[in-house]
C-alpha cells in the first residue's frame, strides 16, 4: 500500500474542516489502508488523520499498545477527568509539548465497510483519538495552548516561520 506524504504544520489544508464520508466504497478502503501504511512507516507513530495527507474527509487511523484500527466519521465523548502529558504531531516532527486532554474517551463511528464501531480508550490512546479528531475539525494541538506557550511551540515547530511572522493569536 502507498505511503503518503504528511503535510506540515503550516499547510492550510490542516486548518480545513473535513467532510463526512458518505460512500463506503473501494476508494475509502484504499484510503484507510494507505493511512495505516503511512502511520506505520515511522517509529513512534500512533495515529493519523486523513487531512494530514491532504484528504479532506473524516477518517482517522490509530495503533497504540496493541490496539489498532480506524474510525470513519468519529464522534468523541470525553470524560471529565483530565491529565497533562507530552503530545506530538506527525505534522510537526520532533516537537513534543505538554497538553491537557481527557483521560478517557468513547469514540463512535463506522469502519471502512459502514459497520458501527465503538472504541473506549484510556490514557495515551485516548489522547491519540482526541488529537486525530481535532485534525478533522481543522484544529491543531497548539490551538489548545495559551498564547505565550503557543508562540514557543510555533518557534520550535516552525523555526523559519517564527523568524518572519508576527505574534500568533
Protein backbone atom coordinates (compact mmCIF):
# COMPACT_ATOMS: atom_id res chain seq x y z
CA UNK A 1 0.00 0.00 0.00
CA UNK A 2 1.14 3.53 -0.74
CA UNK A 3 2.87 5.55 1.96
CA UNK A 4 1.71 9.14 1.62
CA UNK A 5 3.45 12.47 2.22
CA UNK A 6 2.44 14.04 5.56
CA UNK A 7 1.50 17.71 5.38
CA UNK A 8 3.48 20.01 7.67
CA UNK A 9 2.06 22.14 10.45
CA UNK A 10 1.76 25.36 8.43
CA UNK A 11 -0.08 23.74 5.50
CA UNK A 12 -3.52 25.40 5.10
CA UNK A 13 -5.20 22.02 4.48
CA UNK A 14 -4.73 21.27 8.18
CA UNK A 15 -6.98 24.24 9.02
CA UNK A 16 -9.93 23.00 6.97
CA UNK A 17 -12.90 21.14 8.41
CA UNK A 18 -13.03 17.67 6.85
CA UNK A 19 -16.15 16.47 5.06
CA UNK A 20 -18.19 13.49 6.35
CA UNK A 21 -17.81 10.24 4.45
CA UNK A 22 -20.98 9.08 2.68
CA UNK A 23 -19.65 6.37 0.37
CA UNK A 24 -18.20 3.27 1.98
CA UNK A 25 -16.58 2.08 -1.21
CA UNK A 26 -13.29 0.77 -2.60
CA UNK A 27 -11.80 4.27 -2.61
CA UNK A 28 -12.44 4.64 1.13
CA UNK A 29 -10.89 1.22 1.82
CA UNK A 30 -7.80 2.26 -0.18
CA UNK A 31 -7.55 5.47 1.84
CA UNK A 32 -7.79 3.62 5.17
CA UNK A 33 -5.08 1.17 4.07
CA UNK A 34 -2.87 3.99 2.81
CA UNK A 35 -3.32 5.97 6.04
CA UNK A 36 -2.43 2.88 8.06
CA UNK A 37 0.70 2.23 5.97
CA UNK A 38 1.73 5.88 6.29
CA UNK A 39 1.19 5.88 10.06
CA UNK A 40 3.25 2.72 10.49
CA UNK A 41 6.07 3.88 8.19
CA UNK A 42 7.91 5.62 11.04
CA UNK A 43 8.75 4.83 14.64
CA UNK A 44 6.52 6.20 17.37
CA UNK A 45 3.55 6.96 15.15
CA UNK A 46 0.29 6.27 16.97
CA UNK A 47 -2.34 7.96 14.83
CA UNK A 48 -3.02 9.80 11.62
CA UNK A 49 -5.96 11.77 10.22
CA UNK A 50 -6.84 11.96 6.52
CA UNK A 51 -6.30 15.75 6.32
CA UNK A 52 -2.66 15.18 7.28
CA UNK A 53 -2.14 13.53 3.89
CA UNK A 54 -4.24 16.11 2.08
CA UNK A 55 -7.52 14.16 2.06
CA UNK A 56 -10.29 16.41 3.45
CA UNK A 57 -12.50 13.60 4.81
CA UNK A 58 -13.38 12.44 8.32
CA UNK A 59 -11.18 9.36 8.66
CA UNK A 60 -8.59 8.53 11.33
CA UNK A 61 -6.37 5.54 11.97
CA UNK A 62 -4.67 4.57 15.22
CA UNK A 63 -2.20 1.99 16.52
CA UNK A 64 -1.03 2.11 20.11
CA UNK A 65 -0.19 -0.51 22.71
CA UNK A 66 -1.72 -3.39 20.77
CA UNK A 67 -4.92 -1.55 19.87
CA UNK A 68 -5.22 -0.57 16.25
CA UNK A 69 -7.99 0.35 13.90
CA UNK A 70 -9.71 3.17 12.12
CA UNK A 71 -12.79 5.33 12.52
CA UNK A 72 -14.85 6.96 9.80
CA UNK A 73 -16.93 9.98 10.84
CA UNK A 74 -15.87 9.67 14.50
CA UNK A 75 -17.73 11.34 17.36
CA UNK A 76 -15.99 11.54 20.73
CA UNK A 77 -17.43 11.53 24.23
CA UNK A 78 -14.84 12.90 26.66
CA UNK A 79 -14.51 12.18 30.36
CA UNK A 80 -14.29 15.00 32.88
CA UNK A 81 -11.02 13.60 34.26
CA UNK A 82 -8.17 15.43 32.55
CA UNK A 83 -4.43 14.82 32.55
CA UNK A 84 -1.41 16.66 31.25
CA UNK A 85 1.12 14.76 29.18
CA UNK A 86 3.53 15.44 26.37
CA UNK A 87 1.99 15.33 22.92
CA UNK A 88 3.46 15.40 19.44
CA UNK A 89 2.19 15.64 15.88
CA UNK A 90 3.46 13.99 12.71
CA UNK A 91 2.89 17.35 11.04
CA UNK A 92 5.42 18.97 13.43
CA UNK A 93 8.13 16.29 13.65
CA UNK A 94 10.42 16.22 16.65
CA UNK A 95 8.45 18.66 18.81
CA UNK A 96 6.75 17.44 21.98
CA UNK A 97 4.64 19.70 24.18
CA UNK A 98 2.66 19.21 27.42
CA UNK A 99 -1.07 19.41 26.84
CA UNK A 100 -4.16 18.72 28.92
CA UNK A 101 -6.63 16.20 27.48
CA UNK A 102 -9.41 13.95 28.75
CA UNK A 103 -8.13 10.71 30.24
CA UNK A 104 -10.99 8.54 28.95
CA UNK A 105 -12.69 8.71 25.55
CA UNK A 106 -15.52 6.81 23.98
CA UNK A 107 -15.29 7.15 20.21
CA UNK A 108 -18.16 6.12 17.97
CA UNK A 109 -18.07 5.97 14.22
CA UNK A 110 -18.03 3.49 11.35
CA UNK A 111 -15.46 1.19 9.85
CA UNK A 112 -14.48 1.24 6.17
CA UNK A 113 -17.43 -1.01 5.34
CA UNK A 114 -20.00 1.19 7.12
CA UNK A 115 -20.39 -1.01 10.20
CA UNK A 116 -20.83 0.80 13.56
CA UNK A 117 -17.72 0.86 15.74
CA UNK A 118 -17.21 1.94 19.36
CA UNK A 119 -13.75 2.37 20.87
CA UNK A 120 -13.18 3.03 24.56
CA UNK A 121 -9.70 4.32 25.23
CA UNK A 122 -7.71 5.47 28.26
CA UNK A 123 -4.52 7.41 28.68
CA UNK A 124 -2.31 7.68 25.61
CA UNK A 125 -4.77 6.06 23.21
CA UNK A 126 -7.49 8.47 24.41
CA UNK A 127 -5.05 11.31 23.72
CA UNK A 128 -4.33 9.94 20.23
CA UNK A 129 -8.03 9.78 19.35
CA UNK A 130 -8.64 13.33 20.60
CA UNK A 131 -5.62 14.62 18.67
CA UNK A 132 -6.69 12.96 15.41
CA UNK A 133 -10.34 14.02 15.80
CA UNK A 134 -9.13 17.60 16.24
CA UNK A 135 -7.40 17.36 12.84
CA UNK A 136 -10.80 16.58 11.29
CA UNK A 137 -12.08 19.91 12.58
CA UNK A 138 -9.07 21.94 11.42
CA UNK A 139 -7.76 22.19 14.98
CA UNK A 140 -4.05 21.78 15.68
CA UNK A 141 -2.92 20.74 19.12
CA UNK A 142 -1.13 24.07 19.55
CA UNK A 143 -4.59 25.70 19.45
CA UNK A 144 -5.16 24.29 22.94
CA UNK A 145 -2.14 26.15 24.34
CA UNK A 146 -2.15 29.56 25.98
CA UNK A 147 -0.87 32.33 23.69
CA UNK A 148 2.66 32.51 25.15
CA UNK A 149 3.04 28.71 25.07
CA UNK A 150 1.71 28.62 21.51
CA UNK A 151 4.39 31.17 20.49
CA UNK A 152 7.13 28.97 22.00
CA UNK A 153 5.65 25.89 20.36
CA UNK A 154 5.47 27.52 16.92
CA UNK A 155 9.05 28.77 17.24
CA UNK A 156 10.13 25.17 17.87
CA UNK A 157 7.84 23.58 15.28
CA UNK A 158 8.31 26.14 12.51
CA UNK A 159 11.61 27.94 13.13
CA UNK A 160 11.67 29.56 9.66
CA UNK A 161 8.10 30.82 10.09
CA UNK A 162 8.77 32.16 13.58
CA UNK A 163 11.62 34.31 12.30
CA UNK A 164 9.43 36.04 9.69
CA UNK A 165 5.99 36.07 11.33
CA UNK A 166 4.47 38.34 13.92
CA UNK A 167 2.58 37.23 17.01
CA UNK A 168 0.12 34.38 16.73
CA UNK A 169 -3.35 34.96 18.12
